[in-house]
Amino acid sequence: MTLASHHARFVVLASPGAEAALRALGLDPAPDGALLRAHTEDAEAARAALRPLPFDWSVRALGAPAPKVFVSDMDSSIIGQECIDELADFAGRKAEVSAITERAMSGELDFAEALRARVAALKGLPEPVLQQCLEERVRLNPGARELLSAFRRAGAQTALVSGGFDALVGPVAAQAGFHHSLANVLAVQDGALTGGLAGPIVGGPAKAAMLAELAGRTRAAPEETVAMGDGANDVPMLRAAGFAVAIGGKDVVLDIADAAVRQGDLSVVARFLDIA
């Protein structure tokens, strides 16, 4: 053990492409499987150096406990698609809806207002299109099942909470292996979408509430909770979690993240948490 690692309070794991950035911090990364491992006393300096890079990375307290709770977003996180954009494609309005989605996920638009505008674009779609979209368009991201299996082996409670729609979120949660799921409900009348929602909006506050609920059930300390997401409506749960994982490259989540998945395989999160 080097002197630096002897006094270190944080473990840094990163893709090999981040080696130069780690060495620029005065760290001494060494291979650890497919990743590099280093130790640091300055977690924020390590995060700041890694955030702009297109590589997977994490900065976690040395000796941190195993997770008891995991809550994740779905669209562009557990799956590679934005379901509302794919549904809009069936209505011939994908470009319009996708533009709204991008601005909402970057924090430029109020989530609830953006959701209502996008749902309105789906008015008149036959209800069976939901199942068609699920079968033809929706795909789990690489490593999703492996990550959920790792959480289950660790004894963690898991939830998929999405600003999307329960007709898609429920089946995806089952495919991936989540214990719980929560999402918005599309209103249907006479076999077609009305362009509205049935029930309250599930957005950022609901995601944070699910994290708190599961933490209460499992008596998890903050450092035993993990949240993962890619957009602005994930920020409340990412802030509340003991370990926040950003998916993709949006600053709104990277700026508060303890880890990032930038190269597509979600199973790396299990490595970050030492539950692989």
Protein backbone atom coordinates (compact mmCIF):
# COMPACT_ATOMS: atom_id res chain seq x y z
CA MET A 1 0.00 0.00 0.00
CA THR A 2 1.36 3.42 -0.95
CA LEU A 3 1.46 6.30 1.50
CA ALA A 4 -1.28 8.01 -0.52
CA SER A 5 -3.64 5.01 -0.31
CA HIS A 6 -2.84 4.53 3.40
CA HIS A 7 -4.25 7.99 4.19
CA ALA A 8 -6.93 7.97 1.47
CA ARG A 9 -10.60 8.26 2.35
CA PHE A 10 -12.00 7.62 -1.13
CA VAL A 11 -11.65 4.96 -3.83
CA VAL A 12 -11.63 6.09 -7.45
CA LEU A 13 -12.56 3.62 -10.19
CA ALA A 14 -12.43 4.67 -13.83
CA SER A 15 -12.12 3.43 -17.38
CA PRO A 16 -8.52 3.18 -18.64
CA GLY A 17 -9.03 6.26 -20.80
CA ALA A 18 -9.11 8.38 -17.64
CA GLU A 19 -5.55 7.47 -16.63
CA ALA A 20 -4.00 10.78 -17.68
CA ALA A 21 -6.59 12.77 -15.73
CA LEU A 22 -5.95 10.70 -12.61
CA ARG A 23 -2.19 11.09 -12.89
CA ALA A 24 -2.62 14.84 -13.36
CA LEU A 25 -4.20 14.83 -9.89
CA GLY A 26 -1.09 13.18 -8.49
CA LEU A 27 -2.80 9.81 -8.15
CA ASP A 28 -1.23 6.47 -9.00
CA PRO A 29 -3.91 4.39 -10.78
CA ALA A 30 -3.42 0.66 -11.09
CA PRO A 31 -5.37 -1.90 -13.13
CA ASP A 32 -8.33 -3.52 -11.38
CA GLY A 33 -9.98 -5.82 -13.89
CA ALA A 34 -11.30 -3.71 -16.76
CA LEU A 35 -11.01 -0.52 -14.69
CA LEU A 36 -8.32 1.55 -13.03
CA ARG A 37 -8.27 1.96 -9.25
CA ALA A 38 -6.74 4.84 -7.32
CA HIS A 39 -7.09 6.38 -3.88
CA THR A 40 -7.53 10.01 -2.92
CA GLU A 41 -8.21 12.30 0.01
CA ASP A 42 -9.86 14.91 -2.22
CA ALA A 43 -13.07 13.43 -3.59
CA GLU A 44 -14.34 16.65 -5.12
CA ALA A 45 -11.13 17.28 -7.04
CA ALA A 46 -11.35 13.76 -8.46
CA ARG A 47 -15.00 14.21 -9.44
CA ALA A 48 -14.28 17.58 -11.04
CA ALA A 49 -11.47 16.08 -13.13
CA LEU A 50 -13.56 13.11 -14.26
CA ARG A 51 -16.91 14.80 -15.01
CA PRO A 52 -15.97 16.20 -18.45
CA LEU A 53 -14.51 12.91 -19.67
CA PRO A 54 -16.45 10.42 -21.83
CA PHE A 55 -15.50 7.51 -19.57
CA ASP A 56 -17.08 5.51 -16.76
CA TRP A 57 -15.96 6.59 -13.29
CA SER A 58 -16.84 6.61 -9.62
CA VAL A 59 -15.57 8.24 -6.44
CA ARG A 60 -16.76 6.46 -3.29
CA ALA A 61 -15.82 6.53 0.36
CA LEU A 62 -13.36 3.85 1.37
CA GLY A 63 -15.19 1.14 3.30
CA ALA A 64 -18.65 2.41 2.33
CA PRO A 65 -21.42 -0.06 3.25
CA ALA A 66 -23.23 -2.27 0.78
CA PRO A 67 -26.40 -0.69 -0.67
CA LYS A 68 -29.81 -1.48 0.77
CA VAL A 69 -31.86 0.65 -1.67
CA PHE A 70 -31.59 1.33 -5.39
CA VAL A 71 -33.97 3.63 -7.29
CA SER A 72 -33.51 4.26 -11.00
CA ASP A 73 -35.00 6.27 -13.80
CA MET A 74 -36.03 4.26 -16.88
CA ASP A 75 -35.81 6.22 -20.15
CA SER A 76 -32.24 6.66 -21.41
CA SER A 77 -31.09 4.99 -18.18
CA ILE A 78 -32.30 1.41 -17.77
CA ILE A 79 -33.42 1.44 -21.41
CA GLY A 80 -31.80 3.20 -24.33
CA GLN A 81 -34.90 4.98 -25.57
CA GLU A 82 -37.21 7.83 -24.55
CA CYS A 83 -40.56 6.04 -24.68
CA ILE A 84 -42.65 9.15 -25.12
CA ASP A 85 -40.59 10.06 -28.18
CA GLU A 86 -41.10 6.58 -29.61
CA LEU A 87 -44.84 6.76 -28.99
CA ALA A 88 -44.92 10.17 -30.67
CA ASP A 89 -43.33 8.56 -33.71
CA PHE A 90 -46.46 6.45 -34.10
CA ALA A 91 -48.42 9.71 -34.15
CA GLY A 92 -46.07 11.29 -36.69
CA ARG A 93 -44.81 13.87 -34.17
CA LYS A 94 -41.49 12.48 -32.98
CA ALA A 95 -39.30 15.45 -33.93
CA GLU A 96 -41.55 17.90 -32.11
CA VAL A 97 -41.84 15.77 -28.97
CA SER A 98 -38.16 14.81 -28.92
CA ALA A 99 -37.17 18.47 -28.89
CA ILE A 100 -39.36 19.07 -25.85
CA THR A 101 -37.96 15.97 -24.12
CA GLU A 102 -34.38 17.12 -24.62
CA ARG A 103 -35.07 20.55 -23.17
CA ALA A 104 -36.99 19.12 -20.23
CA MET A 105 -34.28 16.59 -19.37
CA SER A 106 -31.64 19.32 -19.53
CA GLY A 107 -33.63 21.39 -17.03
CA GLU A 108 -34.67 24.10 -19.49
CA LEU A 109 -38.42 23.41 -19.13
CA ASP A 110 -40.70 22.63 -16.21
CA PHE A 111 -41.13 18.85 -16.19
CA ALA A 112 -44.88 18.78 -15.53
CA GLU A 113 -45.68 21.32 -18.22
CA ALA A 114 -43.42 19.57 -20.72
CA LEU A 115 -45.00 16.22 -19.90
CA ARG A 116 -48.53 17.52 -20.45
CA ALA A 117 -47.53 19.05 -23.80
CA ARG A 118 -45.95 15.81 -24.97
CA VAL A 119 -48.84 13.64 -23.78
CA ALA A 120 -51.26 15.90 -25.64
CA ALA A 121 -49.39 15.03 -28.84
CA LEU A 122 -50.36 11.38 -28.33
CA LYS A 123 -54.11 12.08 -28.45
CA GLY A 124 -55.97 9.60 -30.59
CA LEU A 125 -53.31 6.86 -30.65
CA PRO A 126 -54.94 3.43 -30.36
CA GLU A 127 -54.23 1.86 -26.97
CA PRO A 128 -52.59 -1.25 -28.55
CA VAL A 129 -49.79 1.03 -29.80
CA LEU A 130 -48.41 0.95 -26.23
CA GLN A 131 -47.76 -2.79 -26.49
CA GLN A 132 -46.46 -2.40 -30.04
CA CYS A 133 -44.00 0.25 -28.87
CA LEU A 134 -42.85 -1.98 -26.01
CA GLU A 135 -42.24 -4.93 -28.32
CA GLU A 136 -40.72 -3.09 -31.28
CA ARG A 137 -38.83 -0.16 -29.78
CA VAL A 138 -37.97 -0.65 -26.11
CA ARG A 139 -34.69 -2.39 -25.27
CA LEU A 140 -32.82 -2.74 -21.99
CA ASN A 141 -29.41 -1.12 -21.92
CA PRO A 142 -26.47 -3.54 -21.78
CA GLY A 143 -25.78 -4.71 -18.25
CA ALA A 144 -29.21 -3.79 -16.84
CA ARG A 145 -30.18 -7.33 -15.84
CA GLU A 146 -26.70 -8.01 -14.48
CA LEU A 147 -26.85 -4.86 -12.35
CA LEU A 148 -30.26 -5.73 -10.92
CA SER A 149 -29.11 -9.28 -10.19
CA ALA A 150 -26.17 -7.84 -8.26
CA PHE A 151 -28.47 -5.65 -6.18
CA ARG A 152 -30.70 -8.62 -5.43
CA ARG A 153 -27.72 -10.72 -4.34
CA ALA A 154 -26.69 -7.88 -2.06
CA GLY A 155 -30.18 -7.92 -0.51
CA ALA A 156 -31.14 -4.43 -1.73
CA GLN A 157 -34.69 -3.28 -2.46
CA THR A 158 -34.99 -1.85 -5.97
CA ALA A 159 -37.49 0.42 -7.71
CA LEU A 160 -37.91 1.72 -11.25
CA VAL A 161 -39.57 5.15 -11.03
CA SER A 162 -40.25 6.97 -14.26
CA GLY A 163 -41.84 10.10 -15.61
CA GLY A 164 -42.94 7.79 -18.43
CA PHE A 165 -45.96 5.51 -18.50
CA ASP A 166 -46.93 2.49 -16.42
CA ALA A 167 -47.96 0.44 -19.47
CA LEU A 168 -44.27 0.41 -20.45
CA VAL A 169 -42.54 0.85 -17.10
CA GLY A 170 -44.16 -2.16 -15.42
CA PRO A 171 -43.03 -4.64 -18.09
CA VAL A 172 -39.54 -3.12 -18.24
CA ALA A 173 -39.23 -3.35 -14.45
CA ALA A 174 -40.13 -7.04 -14.64
CA GLN A 175 -37.69 -7.70 -17.48
CA ALA A 176 -34.82 -6.03 -15.67
CA GLY A 177 -35.59 -7.53 -12.26
CA PHE A 178 -36.82 -4.60 -10.12
CA HIS A 179 -38.93 -5.22 -7.03
CA HIS A 180 -41.14 -2.14 -7.49
CA SER A 181 -42.18 0.33 -10.19
CA LEU A 182 -44.04 3.63 -10.40
CA ALA A 183 -44.96 5.77 -13.39
CA ASN A 184 -47.62 8.01 -14.92
CA VAL A 185 -50.88 6.54 -16.20
CA LEU A 186 -52.10 7.52 -19.66
CA ALA A 187 -55.83 8.23 -19.83
CA VAL A 188 -57.70 6.00 -22.27
CA GLN A 189 -61.23 6.34 -23.60
CA ASP A 190 -62.95 4.14 -26.17
CA GLY A 191 -59.69 2.31 -26.87
CA ALA A 192 -57.60 5.41 -27.64
CA LEU A 193 -55.34 7.77 -25.73
CA THR A 194 -57.14 10.96 -24.70
CA GLY A 195 -54.02 13.13 -24.67
CA GLY A 196 -54.18 13.40 -20.88
CA LEU A 197 -53.09 11.59 -17.73
CA ALA A 198 -55.09 9.65 -15.17
CA GLY A 199 -53.89 10.51 -11.68
CA PRO A 200 -51.09 12.67 -10.29
CA ILE A 201 -47.89 13.35 -12.20
CA VAL A 202 -44.92 11.17 -11.35
CA GLY A 203 -41.83 13.34 -11.64
CA GLY A 204 -38.83 14.37 -9.60
CA PRO A 205 -40.57 14.62 -6.19
CA ALA A 206 -42.14 11.16 -6.61
CA LYS A 207 -38.74 9.66 -7.39
CA ALA A 208 -37.23 11.14 -4.24
CA ALA A 209 -40.26 10.00 -2.24
CA MET A 210 -39.80 6.42 -3.44
CA LEU A 211 -36.16 6.53 -2.34
CA ALA A 212 -37.21 7.79 1.09
CA GLU A 213 -39.98 5.19 1.36
CA LEU A 214 -37.68 2.27 0.59
CA ALA A 215 -35.00 3.67 2.90
CA GLY A 216 -37.58 3.75 5.67
CA ARG A 217 -38.75 0.21 4.98
CA THR A 218 -35.22 -1.18 4.98
CA ARG A 219 -33.91 1.14 7.73
CA ALA A 220 -31.20 2.21 5.32
CA ALA A 221 -28.82 5.00 6.29
CA PRO A 222 -28.29 7.64 3.59
CA GLU A 223 -24.94 6.10 2.62
CA GLU A 224 -26.76 2.80 1.95
CA THR A 225 -28.98 4.31 -0.78
CA VAL A 226 -28.22 4.56 -4.50
CA ALA A 227 -30.04 6.52 -7.23
CA MET A 228 -29.41 6.54 -10.97
CA GLY A 229 -30.71 8.77 -13.75
CA ASP A 230 -29.94 10.93 -16.75
CA GLY A 231 -32.07 14.07 -16.57
CA ALA A 232 -33.30 17.06 -14.61
CA ASN A 233 -36.30 15.26 -13.10
CA ASP A 234 -33.85 12.78 -11.52
CA VAL A 235 -32.02 15.50 -9.59
CA PRO A 236 -34.17 15.31 -6.42
CA MET A 237 -33.50 11.60 -5.90
CA LEU A 238 -29.85 11.92 -6.93
CA ARG A 239 -29.37 14.65 -4.32
CA ALA A 240 -31.14 12.56 -1.68
CA ALA A 241 -29.17 9.37 -2.32
CA GLY A 242 -25.93 8.49 -0.62
CA PHE A 243 -24.45 7.50 -3.97
CA ALA A 244 -25.65 9.24 -7.15
CA VAL A 245 -25.02 7.71 -10.57
CA ALA A 246 -25.32 9.84 -13.70
CA ILE A 247 -26.12 8.19 -17.01
CA GLY A 248 -24.83 10.00 -20.08
CA GLY A 249 -23.36 13.45 -20.33
CA LYS A 250 -25.91 16.03 -19.13
CA ASP A 251 -24.32 18.56 -16.80
CA VAL A 252 -27.48 18.76 -14.71
CA VAL A 253 -26.79 15.25 -13.37
CA LEU A 254 -23.01 15.08 -13.75
CA ASP A 255 -22.61 18.12 -11.52
CA ILE A 256 -24.07 16.25 -8.53
CA ALA A 257 -22.92 12.72 -9.35
CA ASP A 258 -20.62 10.42 -7.41
CA ALA A 259 -20.29 8.21 -10.49
CA ALA A 260 -21.07 8.24 -14.19
CA VAL A 261 -21.79 5.63 -16.84
CA ARG A 262 -20.69 7.10 -20.17
CA GLN A 263 -19.82 3.97 -22.14
CA GLY A 264 -23.14 2.15 -22.09
CA ASP A 265 -22.78 -0.95 -19.89
CA LEU A 266 -24.71 -0.55 -16.64
CA SER A 267 -23.06 -3.53 -14.96
CA VAL A 268 -20.09 -1.27 -14.19
CA VAL A 269 -22.22 0.25 -11.39
CA ALA A 270 -22.01 -3.08 -9.56
CA ARG A 271 -18.22 -2.77 -9.73
CA PHE A 272 -18.40 0.76 -8.38
CA LEU A 273 -20.45 -0.48 -5.40
CA ASP A 274 -18.33 -3.60 -4.85
CA ILE A 275 -21.32 -5.93 -5.31
CA ALA A 276 -20.41 -7.47 -8.68
